[in-house]
Amino acid sequence: MAFSHHFDPTVLREYDIRGIVGRTLYAADAFAIGRAFGSIVARAGGTRVAVGYDGRLTSPELEQALVDGLRASGMEALRIGLGPTPMLYYTATTLQTDGAVMVTGSHNPPDYNGFKMMFGRKPFFGQQIQQIGTLAETGDVVPEAQGSEQAVAIADDYVARLLADWDGGDRMLKVVWDNGNGAAGDVLEKLVASLPGEHVVLNGTIDGRFPAHHPDPTVPANLVELIAQVRARKADIGIAFDGDADRIGLVDDTGEILFGDQILVVLARDVLKTHPGGTIIADVKASQVLFDEVAKAGGTPMMWKTGHSLIKSKMADTGSPLAGEMSGHIFFADRWYGFDDALYAAVRTLGIVARMESGTLSTVRQALPHVVNTPEVRFDCDDRRKFAVIEEVADRLAAEGAKVSSIDGVRVQTADGWWLLRASNTQAVLVARCEASTEAGLDRLKAALAKQLVASGLETPDFSGGNAGH
């Protein structure tokens, strides 16, 4: 019987495949992904695909259907089981598989799920994901075959490799971790058992209902418990992960949040000691402070598009030893493999804190130039309209002679600071952010941004959420 499958058009995203299980995403989709992706791998001469899944309640069913699709394409599926996304990346990299697929809904609500992919050792995204839809729709897949599968126990090896780059000596730090009931739970337990210091793990049990709080460490409301515990225990640092542990959140010893760009400043200064002049990449949402501090530390700052796949590709092109995003994706190619791994970023951050001869993480944060900025503001905009809005705004700004970077959306530089408007590649939303050196300047930037939105027939977004000072 000929194979053919139609995906809901909303699930094939820029960086991954993602949808609401039972509404836009089903087990039949998982099988079709395996069938189409397996065909792509087979046609490139590949035979082995690593597969993992996160702690969501729907992940085991989707993973099984995915494996069935891969086997029907003649693949050998290497099943690593339940764990964090970076553990799958590690498997694909060290076992040199021809592809890899992670079943994960990342930081989305519990009813979501999805798939992140690698082709060889590279991210699989953009037009490649659209190709999955085309192959499935047209039935353009390899002839049905009888592939195979094997279980691969990789967790202990992965943890040992994480520990191999511990460079903090035997200083006994006091660390609070918030697993957020995410997929890192079991691996994190193994990791902290072998790290020096005193470690407290919050919400360590993997539970796809996320009973403690939503698993997104970039939202301050999700860090309330971690902050309280860091302060109560007088800890040196607090570390949080998202649902599949490819993104990190940090809290310093006073319980204050370090945002993604501030984390990258701390890491970049350390990495640049052994990579003088190295290119440090950050996305367009990052503070100007980051780019300035990288330059001060002797690095070459580079602004690039938001999106973990896009950043990873740019790192490979430029030979960058370190990159990061405001969303908490941190990518080490220095001593690591170039993929985003919150557990690895945590080990490296702890090493830096342990080696601080005097001072604390809070003293480093407080010494950074102070700016005021809005949080990342996300507001609804139809998928069919969002990119058109960006084009309209760009055209008006060009006509005004504004100083604009169009790497990803529009980032407008003024005497007050900058404002950004970009279309999300994963949701039907526009994303805005403003940063200035003064509150009055921030108000002017917000007004300029609002004016552009109104001109395109949209309402002014709610910038409340407090101005983050950093």
Protein backbone atom coordinates (compact mmCIF):
# COMPACT_ATOMS: atom_id res chain seq x y z
CA MET A 1 0.00 0.00 0.00
CA ALA A 2 1.38 3.41 -0.97
CA PHE A 3 2.34 5.71 1.90
CA SER A 4 0.91 9.24 2.08
CA HIS A 5 0.38 11.56 5.02
CA HIS A 6 -0.83 15.13 5.50
CA PHE A 7 0.43 17.24 8.45
CA ASP A 8 -1.51 20.05 10.06
CA PRO A 9 0.20 23.08 8.48
CA THR A 10 0.89 24.70 11.87
CA VAL A 11 3.20 21.94 13.15
CA LEU A 12 6.09 22.21 10.66
CA ARG A 13 8.06 25.05 12.24
CA GLU A 14 11.36 26.75 11.48
CA TYR A 15 13.52 24.86 14.00
CA ASP A 16 11.43 21.83 14.83
CA ILE A 17 8.04 20.16 14.54
CA ARG A 18 5.62 21.04 17.33
CA GLY A 19 1.90 20.90 18.03
CA ILE A 20 -0.91 20.15 20.47
CA VAL A 21 -1.31 16.40 20.93
CA GLY A 22 -4.80 15.24 19.99
CA ARG A 23 -5.52 18.47 18.14
CA THR A 24 -2.73 19.19 15.65
CA LEU A 25 -0.28 16.38 16.42
CA TYR A 26 -0.89 12.63 16.55
CA ALA A 27 0.98 9.32 16.65
CA ALA A 28 0.36 9.01 12.89
CA ASP A 29 2.38 12.21 12.46
CA ALA A 30 5.24 10.68 14.45
CA PHE A 31 5.22 7.62 12.18
CA ALA A 32 5.23 9.87 9.10
CA ILE A 33 8.15 11.88 10.47
CA GLY A 34 10.10 8.66 10.97
CA ARG A 35 9.15 7.45 7.50
CA ALA A 36 10.11 10.71 5.75
CA PHE A 37 13.20 11.55 7.83
CA GLY A 38 14.40 7.94 7.56
CA SER A 39 14.03 8.23 3.78
CA ILE A 40 16.13 11.40 3.73
CA VAL A 41 18.84 9.68 5.79
CA ALA A 42 18.69 6.55 3.62
CA ARG A 43 19.04 8.52 0.39
CA ALA A 44 22.15 10.18 1.83
CA GLY A 45 23.63 6.74 2.47
CA GLY A 46 22.86 6.66 6.20
CA THR A 47 21.59 3.74 8.24
CA ARG A 48 21.48 4.76 11.93
CA VAL A 49 19.26 7.29 13.73
CA ALA A 50 19.43 8.01 17.48
CA VAL A 51 16.09 8.59 19.22
CA GLY A 52 15.24 10.01 22.65
CA TYR A 53 12.20 11.41 24.42
CA ASP A 54 11.32 13.81 27.22
CA GLY A 55 9.07 13.38 30.26
CA ARG A 56 5.78 14.41 28.72
CA LEU A 57 2.92 11.97 29.16
CA THR A 58 2.50 11.63 25.38
CA SER A 59 6.20 11.15 24.59
CA PRO A 60 6.45 7.34 24.91
CA GLU A 61 3.61 6.79 22.40
CA LEU A 62 5.06 9.31 19.94
CA GLU A 63 8.57 7.86 20.31
CA GLN A 64 7.31 4.35 19.53
CA ALA A 65 5.46 5.55 16.42
CA LEU A 66 8.57 7.49 15.34
CA VAL A 67 10.74 4.36 15.71
CA ASP A 68 8.22 2.34 13.70
CA GLY A 69 8.45 4.93 10.90
CA LEU A 70 12.24 4.90 10.97
CA ARG A 71 12.35 1.10 10.84
CA ALA A 72 9.91 1.09 7.92
CA SER A 73 12.49 3.21 6.11
CA GLY A 74 15.20 0.64 6.79
CA MET A 75 16.86 2.52 9.63
CA GLU A 76 18.47 1.12 12.75
CA ALA A 77 16.97 3.12 15.61
CA LEU A 78 19.30 3.65 18.59
CA ARG A 79 16.85 4.27 21.44
CA ILE A 80 18.38 6.13 24.39
CA GLY A 81 15.06 6.39 26.24
CA LEU A 82 13.94 9.17 28.58
CA GLY A 83 16.35 12.06 29.14
CA PRO A 84 17.31 15.61 28.21
CA THR A 85 17.62 16.76 24.59
CA PRO A 86 21.39 17.47 24.88
CA MET A 87 21.95 13.83 25.86
CA LEU A 88 20.53 12.88 22.46
CA TYR A 89 22.79 15.43 20.76
CA TYR A 90 25.70 13.91 22.68
CA THR A 91 24.71 10.42 21.51
CA ALA A 92 24.49 11.51 17.88
CA THR A 93 27.84 13.29 18.11
CA THR A 94 29.87 10.64 19.91
CA LEU A 95 28.35 7.58 18.23
CA GLN A 96 28.45 9.43 14.88
CA THR A 97 24.91 8.49 13.91
CA ASP A 98 23.51 9.55 10.54
CA GLY A 99 20.60 11.36 12.16
CA ALA A 100 18.86 11.96 15.47
CA VAL A 101 15.31 12.76 16.56
CA MET A 102 14.23 13.95 20.01
CA VAL A 103 10.58 13.74 20.98
CA THR A 104 10.09 16.86 23.11
CA GLY A 105 7.67 19.69 23.70
CA SER A 106 10.55 21.73 25.17
CA HIS A 107 9.12 24.52 27.36
CA ASN A 108 5.61 24.45 25.91
CA PRO A 109 2.51 23.61 28.03
CA PRO A 110 1.90 19.94 28.94
CA ASP A 111 -0.50 19.25 26.06
CA TYR A 112 2.16 20.15 23.48
CA ASN A 113 4.81 17.87 22.06
CA GLY A 114 7.20 17.88 19.16
CA PHE A 115 10.41 16.75 17.47
CA LYS A 116 13.92 18.22 17.25
CA MET A 117 16.25 16.73 14.65
CA MET A 118 19.86 16.42 13.59
CA PHE A 119 21.11 15.30 10.18
CA GLY A 120 24.59 13.90 10.61
CA ARG A 121 26.14 16.22 13.20
CA LYS A 122 24.23 19.29 12.00
CA PRO A 123 20.87 20.79 12.94
CA PHE A 124 17.96 19.90 10.66
CA PHE A 125 15.71 22.91 10.19
CA GLY A 126 14.03 25.42 7.90
CA GLN A 127 13.45 24.05 4.40
CA GLN A 128 14.59 20.61 5.54
CA ILE A 129 11.60 20.42 7.90
CA GLN A 130 9.29 21.54 5.10
CA GLN A 131 10.76 18.71 3.03
CA ILE A 132 9.43 16.22 5.61
CA GLY A 133 5.92 17.52 4.86
CA THR A 134 6.44 17.34 1.09
CA LEU A 135 7.81 13.79 1.13
CA ALA A 136 4.99 12.57 3.38
CA GLU A 137 2.30 14.32 1.33
CA THR A 138 3.55 12.97 -2.01
CA GLY A 139 4.54 9.55 -0.68
CA ASP A 140 8.05 10.12 -2.01
CA VAL A 141 9.72 7.78 0.47
CA VAL A 142 12.10 4.83 0.14
CA PRO A 143 10.48 1.41 -0.38
CA GLU A 144 9.18 -0.15 2.82
CA ALA A 145 11.84 -2.12 4.63
CA GLN A 146 12.44 -4.00 7.86
CA GLY A 147 14.81 -1.86 9.90
CA SER A 148 16.06 -2.67 13.38
CA GLU A 149 16.43 -1.11 16.80
CA GLN A 150 18.56 -1.36 19.88
CA ALA A 151 18.46 0.20 23.32
CA VAL A 152 21.52 2.32 24.10
CA ALA A 153 22.40 3.12 27.71
CA ILE A 154 24.22 6.45 27.36
CA ALA A 155 23.41 8.36 30.56
CA ASP A 156 26.44 7.27 32.59
CA ASP A 157 28.81 8.04 29.72
CA TYR A 158 27.16 11.44 29.19
CA VAL A 159 27.46 12.36 32.87
CA ALA A 160 31.10 11.23 32.95
CA ARG A 161 31.82 13.49 29.97
CA LEU A 162 30.08 16.44 31.66
CA LEU A 163 32.23 15.88 34.75
CA ALA A 164 35.41 15.62 32.67
CA ASP A 165 35.25 19.38 32.05
CA TRP A 166 34.75 20.33 35.70
CA ASP A 167 37.43 22.96 36.36
CA GLY A 168 36.44 24.35 39.74
CA GLY A 169 38.78 22.29 41.89
CA ASP A 170 37.38 20.98 45.15
CA ARG A 171 35.76 24.18 46.42
CA MET A 172 32.54 23.33 48.20
CA LEU A 173 29.89 25.51 46.59
CA LYS A 174 26.33 25.51 47.84
CA VAL A 175 24.07 25.06 44.81
CA VAL A 176 20.29 24.92 44.44
CA TRP A 177 18.99 23.31 41.24
CA ASP A 178 15.43 23.48 39.92
CA ASN A 179 14.75 20.68 37.46
CA GLY A 180 11.17 21.93 37.04
CA ASN A 181 10.01 18.28 36.80
CA GLY A 182 11.74 18.23 33.40
CA ALA A 183 13.55 15.49 31.49
CA ALA A 184 16.95 16.16 33.08
CA GLY A 185 15.87 14.74 36.45
CA ASP A 186 17.62 11.35 36.45
CA VAL A 187 20.77 12.66 34.74
CA LEU A 188 20.93 15.63 37.12
CA GLU A 189 20.78 13.28 40.10
CA LYS A 190 23.81 11.39 38.77
CA LEU A 191 25.66 14.64 38.01
CA VAL A 192 25.28 16.30 41.42
CA ALA A 193 26.29 13.07 43.16
CA SER A 194 29.77 13.48 41.65
CA LEU A 195 30.23 17.27 41.81
CA PRO A 196 31.96 18.72 44.87
CA GLY A 197 29.85 20.90 47.13
CA GLU A 198 26.42 20.86 48.70
CA HIS A 199 23.59 20.35 46.20
CA VAL A 200 19.84 20.67 46.66
CA VAL A 201 17.59 19.60 43.78
CA LEU A 202 14.07 21.01 43.60
CA ASN A 203 11.35 19.28 41.56
CA GLY A 204 13.75 16.54 40.56
CA THR A 205 11.05 14.00 39.68
CA ILE A 206 10.31 13.84 35.96
CA ASP A 207 6.60 14.63 35.62
CA GLY A 208 5.12 15.75 32.29
CA ARG A 209 2.26 17.54 34.06
CA PHE A 210 4.81 20.02 35.51
CA PRO A 211 3.04 20.32 38.87
CA ALA A 212 5.50 22.79 40.46
CA HIS A 213 5.57 25.44 37.74
CA HIS A 214 5.84 25.85 33.99
CA PRO A 215 9.28 24.62 32.77
CA ASP A 216 10.57 27.86 31.26
CA PRO A 217 13.42 29.47 33.24
CA THR A 218 13.32 32.73 31.26
CA VAL A 219 10.02 33.70 32.92
CA PRO A 220 10.74 35.23 36.37
CA ALA A 221 7.50 33.82 37.82
CA ASN A 222 8.88 30.31 37.25
CA LEU A 223 11.99 31.09 39.34
CA VAL A 224 10.15 32.17 42.51
CA GLU A 225 10.77 28.87 44.34
CA LEU A 226 14.43 28.76 43.27
CA ILE A 227 15.03 32.35 44.39
CA ALA A 228 13.42 31.69 47.78
CA GLN A 229 15.57 28.58 48.33
CA VAL A 230 18.80 30.30 47.27
CA ARG A 231 18.14 33.08 49.78
CA ALA A 232 16.96 30.78 52.57
CA ARG A 233 19.96 28.48 52.21
CA LYS A 234 22.46 31.30 51.54
CA ALA A 235 23.53 29.41 48.43
CA ASP A 236 26.25 30.55 46.02
CA ILE A 237 24.03 30.07 42.95
CA GLY A 238 20.70 28.74 41.72
CA ILE A 239 20.34 26.90 38.40
CA ALA A 240 17.13 26.11 36.51
CA PHE A 241 16.38 24.14 33.36
CA ASP A 242 13.55 24.11 30.85
CA GLY A 243 11.52 20.98 30.12
CA ASP A 244 14.18 19.25 28.01
CA ALA A 245 17.27 20.91 29.54
CA ASP A 246 18.68 22.62 26.48
CA ARG A 247 18.05 26.03 28.14
CA ILE A 248 19.38 27.38 31.43
CA GLY A 249 18.29 29.98 33.95
CA LEU A 250 20.60 31.39 36.66
CA VAL A 251 20.04 33.10 39.99
CA ASP A 252 22.98 34.67 41.84
CA ASP A 253 23.84 34.44 45.54
CA THR A 254 21.49 37.31 46.42
CA GLY A 255 18.57 35.70 44.60
CA GLU A 256 18.71 38.06 41.62
CA ILE A 257 18.18 36.66 38.12
CA LEU A 258 20.93 36.70 35.53
CA PHE A 259 19.38 36.99 32.10
CA GLY A 260 20.66 35.08 29.06
CA ASP A 261 22.94 37.86 27.88
CA GLN A 262 24.40 38.36 31.38
CA ILE A 263 25.12 34.63 31.64
CA LEU A 264 26.92 34.87 28.32
CA VAL A 265 29.08 37.78 29.57
CA VAL A 266 30.26 35.65 32.52
CA LEU A 267 31.03 32.67 30.28
CA ALA A 268 32.58 34.72 27.46
CA ARG A 269 35.13 36.39 29.72
CA ASP A 270 36.30 32.95 30.83
CA VAL A 271 36.36 31.38 27.35
CA LEU A 272 38.19 34.35 25.82
CA LYS A 273 41.15 33.74 28.16
CA THR A 274 41.98 30.68 26.07
CA HIS A 275 40.46 31.95 22.80
CA PRO A 276 41.73 35.56 22.51
CA GLY A 277 39.93 37.40 19.73
CA GLY A 278 37.33 34.62 19.50
CA THR A 279 33.95 35.28 17.93
CA ILE A 280 31.17 35.26 20.53
CA ILE A 281 27.70 35.06 18.98
CA ALA A 282 24.43 36.26 20.53
CA ASP A 283 20.97 36.74 19.12
CA VAL A 284 19.32 40.05 18.22
CA LYS A 285 17.42 40.18 21.52
CA ALA A 286 20.63 40.46 23.56
CA SER A 287 21.64 43.64 25.39
CA GLN A 288 24.15 46.02 23.85
CA VAL A 289 26.02 45.57 27.13
CA LEU A 290 26.87 42.00 26.10
CA PHE A 291 28.37 43.01 22.76
CA ASP A 292 30.35 45.82 24.43
CA GLU A 293 31.64 43.56 27.23
CA VAL A 294 32.75 40.86 24.76
CA ALA A 295 34.75 43.49 22.87
CA LYS A 296 36.24 44.77 26.17
CA ALA A 297 37.31 41.23 27.03
CA GLY A 298 39.18 40.98 23.71
CA GLY A 299 36.53 39.03 21.83
CA THR A 300 34.80 39.65 18.52
CA PRO A 301 31.08 40.10 19.20
CA MET A 302 28.62 38.99 16.53
CA MET A 303 24.87 39.58 16.47
CA TRP A 304 22.88 36.85 14.75
CA LYS A 305 19.37 35.52 14.19
CA THR A 306 17.35 34.04 17.04
CA GLY A 307 16.93 30.26 16.89
CA HIS A 308 19.07 27.43 18.24
CA SER A 309 19.53 25.82 14.81
CA LEU A 310 20.54 29.12 13.21
CA ILE A 311 23.05 29.91 15.98
CA LYS A 312 24.61 26.44 15.82
CA SER A 313 25.05 26.75 12.06
CA LYS A 314 26.64 30.20 12.39
CA MET A 315 29.04 28.90 15.06
CA ALA A 316 30.22 26.17 12.72
CA ASP A 317 30.70 28.70 9.91
CA THR A 318 32.71 31.15 12.03
CA GLY A 319 34.62 28.80 14.33
CA SER A 320 33.03 30.51 17.33
CA PRO A 321 33.94 28.90 20.69
CA LEU A 322 30.79 30.18 22.47
CA ALA A 323 27.34 31.49 21.64
CA GLY A 324 24.09 32.14 23.43
CA GLU A 325 20.55 33.42 23.25
CA MET A 326 18.37 35.47 25.55
CA SER A 327 16.17 32.37 25.82
CA GLY A 328 18.94 30.60 27.75
CA HIS A 329 20.32 28.37 24.98
CA ILE A 330 24.10 28.32 25.58
CA PHE A 331 26.39 26.70 23.01
CA PHE A 332 29.95 25.69 23.87
CA ALA A 333 32.37 24.65 21.13
CA ASP A 334 35.22 25.26 23.59
CA ARG A 335 36.01 21.76 24.92
CA TRP A 336 32.45 20.68 24.00
CA TYR A 337 30.60 19.85 20.79
CA GLY A 338 28.88 23.08 19.75
CA PHE A 339 25.34 22.14 20.72
CA ASP A 340 23.11 23.79 23.34
CA ASP A 341 23.34 21.96 26.64
CA ALA A 342 22.10 23.47 29.90
CA LEU A 343 23.73 20.77 32.02
CA TYR A 344 27.11 21.46 30.44
CA ALA A 345 26.64 25.22 30.73
CA ALA A 346 25.84 24.68 34.40
CA VAL A 347 29.08 22.73 34.99
CA ARG A 348 31.15 25.44 33.29
CA THR A 349 29.37 28.23 35.19
CA LEU A 350 29.94 26.47 38.52
CA GLY A 351 33.62 26.11 37.62
CA ILE A 352 33.89 29.87 37.08
CA VAL A 353 32.14 30.64 40.38
CA ALA A 354 34.34 28.13 42.23
CA ARG A 355 37.48 29.80 40.84
CA MET A 356 36.48 33.30 41.93
CA GLU A 357 39.21 34.13 44.44
CA SER A 358 37.20 36.97 45.90
CA GLY A 359 33.71 38.19 45.26
CA THR A 360 30.59 36.38 44.16
CA LEU A 361 28.37 36.00 41.14
CA SER A 362 26.33 38.96 42.39
CA THR A 363 29.40 41.23 42.43
CA VAL A 364 30.03 40.31 38.78
CA ARG A 365 26.40 41.06 37.89
CA GLN A 366 26.36 44.35 39.80
CA ALA A 367 29.54 45.55 38.09
CA LEU A 368 27.99 45.31 34.63
CA PRO A 369 26.88 48.62 33.08
CA HIS A 370 23.32 49.34 34.16
CA VAL A 371 20.64 49.65 31.53
CA VAL A 372 16.87 49.51 31.74
CA ASN A 373 14.91 47.30 29.42
CA THR A 374 11.53 45.80 28.88
CA PRO A 375 11.11 42.07 29.25
CA GLU A 376 10.74 40.18 26.00
CA VAL A 377 7.15 41.07 25.08
CA ARG A 378 5.25 38.52 22.98
CA PHE A 379 1.86 39.37 21.54
CA ASP A 380 -0.50 37.58 19.20
CA CYS A 381 -0.24 38.13 15.47
CA ASP A 382 -1.64 35.76 12.88
CA ASP A 383 0.94 33.43 11.31
CA ARG A 384 -0.05 34.72 7.86
CA ARG A 385 0.36 38.37 8.94
CA LYS A 386 3.38 38.46 11.23
CA PHE A 387 6.14 38.55 8.57
CA ALA A 388 4.21 41.11 6.50
CA VAL A 389 4.09 43.43 9.53
CA ILE A 390 7.89 43.26 9.85
CA GLU A 391 8.25 44.16 6.15
CA GLU A 392 5.88 47.12 6.51
CA VAL A 393 7.77 48.42 9.55
CA ALA A 394 11.13 47.94 7.79
CA ASP A 395 9.90 49.90 4.76
CA ARG A 396 8.70 52.82 6.90
CA LEU A 397 11.95 52.88 8.88
CA ALA A 398 13.99 52.89 5.66
CA ALA A 399 11.95 55.83 4.41
CA GLU A 400 12.67 57.68 7.67
CA GLY A 401 16.41 56.99 7.39
CA ALA A 402 16.49 55.11 10.71
CA LYS A 403 19.58 53.14 11.79
CA VAL A 404 18.34 49.57 11.43
CA SER A 405 19.81 46.08 11.64
CA SER A 406 17.68 43.64 9.64
CA ILE A 407 19.52 40.44 10.62
CA ASP A 408 16.31 39.14 12.21
CA GLY A 409 13.28 41.41 12.14
CA VAL A 410 14.20 45.05 12.78
CA ARG A 411 16.54 46.23 15.53
CA VAL A 412 16.53 50.03 15.58
CA GLN A 413 19.38 51.99 17.16
CA THR A 414 18.68 55.52 18.48
CA ALA A 415 20.44 57.95 20.80
CA ASP A 416 18.41 56.44 23.67
CA GLY A 417 19.28 52.80 22.97
CA TRP A 418 17.52 50.24 20.79
CA TRP A 419 14.22 48.56 20.13
CA LEU A 420 13.50 45.27 18.40
CA LEU A 421 10.51 43.84 16.60
CA ARG A 422 10.69 40.36 15.08
CA ALA A 423 8.31 37.60 14.08
CA SER A 424 8.53 34.38 16.07
CA ASN A 425 9.42 31.37 13.94
CA THR A 426 7.66 28.98 16.29
CA GLN A 427 4.41 30.72 17.30
CA ALA A 428 1.80 33.10 15.90
CA VAL A 429 3.32 36.04 17.75
CA LEU A 430 5.45 39.11 17.30
CA VAL A 431 8.29 39.68 19.76
CA ALA A 432 9.35 43.12 20.98
CA ARG A 433 12.07 44.39 23.28
CA CYS A 434 13.49 47.83 24.16
CA GLU A 435 16.65 48.86 26.02
CA ALA A 436 17.86 52.29 27.09
CA SER A 437 20.26 53.90 29.52
CA THR A 438 17.46 55.87 31.25
CA GLU A 439 13.78 55.37 32.07
CA ALA A 440 12.87 58.43 29.99
CA GLY A 441 14.78 56.99 27.03
CA LEU A 442 13.00 53.67 27.46
CA ASP A 443 9.64 55.44 27.33
CA ARG A 444 10.63 57.11 24.06
CA LEU A 445 11.70 53.78 22.56
CA LYS A 446 8.45 52.11 23.60
CA ALA A 447 6.50 54.99 22.04
CA ALA A 448 8.45 54.67 18.78
CA LEU A 449 7.78 50.94 18.65
CA ALA A 450 4.10 51.41 19.47
CA LYS A 451 3.78 53.99 16.71
CA GLN A 452 5.02 51.49 14.14
CA LEU A 453 2.62 48.80 15.33
CA VAL A 454 -0.35 51.15 15.21
CA ALA A 455 0.65 52.15 11.67
CA SER A 456 0.35 48.47 10.73
CA GLY A 457 -3.07 48.19 12.34
CA LEU A 458 -1.96 46.45 15.53
CA GLU A 459 -2.60 47.40 19.15
CA THR A 460 0.19 48.59 21.42
CA PRO A 461 1.50 45.64 23.44
CA ASP A 462 1.50 45.60 27.22
CA PHE A 463 5.07 46.36 28.28
CA SER A 464 4.24 45.88 31.95
CA GLY A 465 6.12 43.10 33.59
CA GLY A 466 8.40 45.68 34.99
CA ASN A 467 11.50 47.15 33.44
CA ALA A 468 14.28 44.72 34.02
CA GLY A 469 17.35 46.63 35.13
CA HIS A 470 20.51 44.98 33.88
